[in-house]
Protein backbone atom coordinates (compact mmCIF):
# COMPACT_ATOMS: atom_id res chain seq x y z
CA UNK A 1 -80.92 140.60 82.31
CA UNK A 2 -78.83 143.80 83.18
CA UNK A 3 -75.59 143.97 81.43
CA UNK A 4 -71.98 142.77 82.64
CA UNK A 5 -70.05 144.02 84.69
CA UNK A 6 -66.64 144.97 83.84
CA UNK A 7 -63.52 143.29 85.52
CA UNK A 8 -59.88 145.27 86.03
CA UNK A 9 -57.21 143.91 88.24
CA UNK A 10 -55.57 146.34 89.82
CA UNK A 11 -51.11 146.18 89.35
CA UNK A 12 -51.16 144.96 92.99
CA UNK A 13 -53.13 142.28 92.60
CA UNK A 14 -52.11 141.62 88.72
CA UNK A 15 -48.44 141.61 90.93
CA UNK A 16 -50.01 138.82 93.68
CA UNK A 17 -50.60 136.82 91.02
CA UNK A 18 -47.98 136.79 89.45
CA UNK A 19 -46.05 136.26 92.61
CA UNK A 20 -48.08 132.91 92.90
CA UNK A 21 -47.68 131.94 89.17
CA UNK A 22 -44.22 132.63 89.72
CA UNK A 23 -43.32 130.66 92.60
CA UNK A 24 -45.39 127.66 91.45
CA UNK A 25 -43.58 127.62 88.30
CA UNK A 26 -40.07 127.05 89.78
CA UNK A 27 -42.12 123.56 91.12
CA UNK A 28 -44.29 123.07 87.88
CA UNK A 29 -44.24 125.09 85.57
CA UNK A 30 -47.45 123.13 84.27
CA UNK A 31 -49.70 123.23 87.54
CA UNK A 32 -48.93 126.99 87.85
CA UNK A 33 -50.31 128.11 84.17
CA UNK A 34 -53.16 125.66 85.33
CA UNK A 35 -53.36 127.94 88.68
CA UNK A 36 -53.63 131.26 86.26
CA UNK A 37 -55.90 129.65 83.61
CA UNK A 38 -58.39 128.58 86.79
CA UNK A 39 -57.79 132.42 88.51
CA UNK A 40 -58.54 133.88 85.87
CA UNK A 41 -61.63 132.55 84.67
CA UNK A 42 -63.45 132.45 87.92
CA UNK A 43 -62.55 135.38 88.29
CA UNK A 44 -64.29 137.41 84.91
CA UNK A 45 -67.13 135.01 85.48
CA UNK A 46 -67.52 138.35 88.10
CA UNK A 47 -69.05 140.55 85.29
CA UNK A 48 -71.99 138.65 85.74
CA UNK A 49 -72.34 137.36 89.09
CA UNK A 50 -70.04 139.78 90.89
CA UNK A 51 -72.50 139.85 94.04
CA UNK A 52 -71.87 135.74 94.24
CA UNK A 53 -68.82 136.07 96.44
CA UNK A 54 -68.62 136.69 100.14
CA UNK A 55 -68.14 139.65 102.63
CA UNK A 56 -64.39 139.78 103.88
CA UNK A 57 -64.73 138.64 106.96
CA UNK A 58 -61.76 139.96 108.53
CA UNK A 59 -62.86 143.57 107.00
CA UNK A 60 -65.87 142.92 108.10
CA UNK A 61 -65.10 142.58 112.02
CA UNK A 62 -63.17 146.32 111.25
CA UNK A 63 -65.90 148.00 109.84
CA UNK A 64 -65.46 147.59 106.20
CA UNK A 65 -68.19 146.20 104.10
CA UNK A 66 -66.74 147.32 100.84
CA UNK A 67 -65.18 144.27 99.74
CA UNK A 68 -65.79 140.57 98.42
CA UNK A 69 -64.14 137.47 98.20
CA UNK A 70 -63.78 134.29 96.06
CA UNK A 71 -61.90 131.48 97.86
CA UNK A 72 -60.28 129.22 95.07
CA UNK A 73 -59.35 127.20 96.83
CA UNK A 74 -55.97 127.86 98.63
CA UNK A 75 -56.09 131.20 97.56
CA UNK A 76 -58.20 134.44 98.47
CA UNK A 77 -59.42 137.20 95.67
CA UNK A 78 -60.56 140.35 97.45
CA UNK A 79 -62.55 142.94 95.17
CA UNK A 80 -64.82 145.42 94.79
CA UNK A 81 -67.75 146.74 92.84
CA UNK A 82 -68.11 150.33 92.07
CA UNK A 83 -70.00 152.02 88.46
CA UNK A 84 -70.40 149.22 87.12
CA UNK A 85 -67.18 147.07 87.17
CA UNK A 86 -66.17 144.84 89.68
CA UNK A 87 -61.69 145.67 90.65
CA UNK A 88 -59.99 142.66 91.63
CA UNK A 89 -58.08 144.39 94.67
CA UNK A 90 -56.22 141.73 95.91
CA UNK A 91 -54.86 137.11 95.65
CA UNK A 92 -53.50 135.88 98.78
CA UNK A 93 -52.91 132.26 100.25
CA UNK A 94 -55.60 131.68 102.32
CA UNK A 95 -52.65 130.16 105.20
CA UNK A 96 -51.27 133.31 104.68
CA UNK A 97 -52.95 135.76 108.45
CA UNK A 98 -55.01 137.33 106.26
CA UNK A 99 -56.01 140.01 109.04
CA UNK A 100 -52.79 141.27 108.28
CA UNK A 101 -52.18 141.40 104.47
CA UNK A 102 -56.20 142.68 104.44
CA UNK A 103 -56.07 145.34 106.85
CA UNK A 104 -52.44 146.88 105.56
CA UNK A 105 -53.55 147.09 102.10
CA UNK A 106 -56.98 148.05 102.57
CA UNK A 107 -56.76 150.37 105.43
CA UNK A 108 -54.52 152.14 103.50
CA UNK A 109 -56.77 150.88 99.99
CA UNK A 110 -59.88 152.41 101.37
CA UNK A 111 -58.61 155.87 100.93
CA UNK A 112 -57.27 155.72 97.43
CA UNK A 113 -60.13 155.03 94.26
CA UNK A 114 -61.09 151.33 93.09
CA UNK A 115 -58.34 151.71 90.42
CA UNK A 116 -56.00 151.87 92.93
CA UNK A 117 -54.83 155.73 92.43
């Protein structure tokens, strides 16, 4: 068995998750904590199974194949695998228009290092 990958969150993904949790906490702090824990648990599992997520269809259609996603309904967690690391790049509500969000972030982000710099 190969050694586990290290899961790292980019600043943008951290901010995405923070905003989701704060928004939900306005109505239900308990639900916000549960959602936070579920997303963190599922993404930490990528350390052993980084390729379990599908490629992002909207990016695939644009010829961008570097990114994969986990669906934790209604959220989509977009990540990239590089150098034995899994970089969590984006957390978005799947009810939003994904093309606008993904293309804006990743056409700029495709020129960046995986850690967002």
